Each structure stands twice: as C-alpha cells, then as structure tokens.
Amino acid sequence: MNAELEYTVMQHHAAELRQAAAERRQVHEARRNRPERRHRSFLARFRAS
C-alpha cells in the first residue's frame, strides 16, 4: 500500500475512533445526569456505580 493511501486510511480510522468516543461520552453523561429513581434496590444502585 502506498504511503498516501495508508495515511488516508489511518486518518479515517482515527476519525471513526473519535466519533465512537464522543458517542460513549454522550451516553455516559446522559446516564450520569438523569434523576435517580427512588425505588431502585440497594443492589441495583451498588451495581450501577
């Protein structure tokens, strides 16, 4: 594979990884910011943390 094509593929892969990381951060932030439900058991709260 020539160097320019390899570099382009590497850039595309890096962009995909950044996008996936951003999506994971959004999901994590949404889970952290949602109100805690009062009826969750102690075990469920302990496992979620």
C-alpha atoms as a PDB file:
ATOM      1  CA  MET A   1       0.000   0.000   0.000  1.00  0.00           C
ATOM      2  CA  ASN A   2       1.456   3.389  -0.830  1.00  0.00           C
ATOM      3  CA  ALA A   3       2.134   5.894   1.923  1.00  0.00           C
ATOM      4  CA  GLU A   4      -0.572   8.414   0.924  1.00  0.00           C
ATOM      5  CA  LEU A   5      -3.309   5.784   0.885  1.00  0.00           C
ATOM      6  CA  GLU A   6      -2.096   4.351   4.175  1.00  0.00           C
ATOM      7  CA  TYR A   7      -2.142   7.833   5.726  1.00  0.00           C
ATOM      8  CA  THR A   8      -5.694   8.463   4.451  1.00  0.00           C
ATOM      9  CA  VAL A   9      -6.903   5.134   5.863  1.00  0.00           C
ATOM     10  CA  MET A  10      -5.230   5.936   9.191  1.00  0.00           C
ATOM     11  CA  GLN A  11      -6.918   9.365   9.299  1.00  0.00           C
ATOM     12  CA  HIS A  12     -10.316   7.800   8.559  1.00  0.00           C
ATOM     13  CA  HIS A  13      -9.839   5.212  11.289  1.00  0.00           C
ATOM     14  CA  ALA A  14      -8.817   7.909  13.778  1.00  0.00           C
ATOM     15  CA  ALA A  15     -11.933   9.928  12.893  1.00  0.00           C
ATOM     16  CA  GLU A  16     -14.118   6.853  13.485  1.00  0.00           C
ATOM     17  CA  LEU A  17     -12.489   6.282  16.871  1.00  0.00           C
ATOM     18  CA  ARG A  18     -13.048   9.923  17.851  1.00  0.00           C
ATOM     19  CA  GLN A  19     -16.716   9.672  16.817  1.00  0.00           C
ATOM     20  CA  ALA A  20     -17.211   6.485  18.837  1.00  0.00           C
ATOM     21  CA  ALA A  21     -15.558   8.081  21.872  1.00  0.00           C
ATOM     22  CA  ALA A  22     -17.812  11.137  21.571  1.00  0.00           C
ATOM     23  CA  GLU A  23     -20.897   8.907  21.432  1.00  0.00           C
ATOM     24  CA  ARG A  24     -19.753   6.989  24.525  1.00  0.00           C
ATOM     25  CA  ARG A  25     -19.182  10.270  26.362  1.00  0.00           C
ATOM     26  CA  GLN A  26     -22.704  11.449  25.451  1.00  0.00           C
ATOM     27  CA  VAL A  27     -24.254   8.215  26.705  1.00  0.00           C
ATOM     28  CA  HIS A  28     -22.210   8.333  29.914  1.00  0.00           C
ATOM     29  CA  GLU A  29     -23.113  11.981  30.505  1.00  0.00           C
ATOM     30  CA  ALA A  30     -26.819  11.287  29.904  1.00  0.00           C
ATOM     31  CA  ARG A  31     -26.773   8.380  32.348  1.00  0.00           C
ATOM     32  CA  ARG A  32     -24.986  10.481  34.963  1.00  0.00           C
ATOM     33  CA  ASN A  33     -27.403  13.399  34.638  1.00  0.00           C
ATOM     34  CA  ARG A  34     -30.697  11.530  34.713  1.00  0.00           C
ATOM     35  CA  PRO A  35     -32.598  11.681  38.001  1.00  0.00           C
ATOM     36  CA  GLU A  36     -32.072   8.757  40.326  1.00  0.00           C
ATOM     37  CA  ARG A  37     -35.149   6.576  40.731  1.00  0.00           C
ATOM     38  CA  ARG A  38     -36.184   6.137  44.372  1.00  0.00           C
ATOM     39  CA  HIS A  39     -37.484   2.590  44.009  1.00  0.00           C
ATOM     40  CA  ARG A  40     -34.194   1.055  42.865  1.00  0.00           C
ATOM     41  CA  SER A  41     -32.893  -1.600  45.197  1.00  0.00           C
ATOM     42  CA  PHE A  42     -29.647  -1.171  47.068  1.00  0.00           C
ATOM     43  CA  LEU A  43     -28.051  -3.887  44.935  1.00  0.00           C
ATOM     44  CA  ALA A  44     -29.073  -2.148  41.696  1.00  0.00           C
ATOM     45  CA  ARG A  45     -27.618   1.151  42.913  1.00  0.00           C
ATOM     46  CA  PHE A  46     -24.427  -0.558  44.055  1.00  0.00           C
ATOM     47  CA  ARG A  47     -24.005  -2.365  40.710  1.00  0.00           C
ATOM     48  CA  ALA A  48     -24.667   0.833  38.727  1.00  0.00           C
ATOM     49  CA  SER A  49     -21.847   2.756  40.412  1.00  0.00           C
END
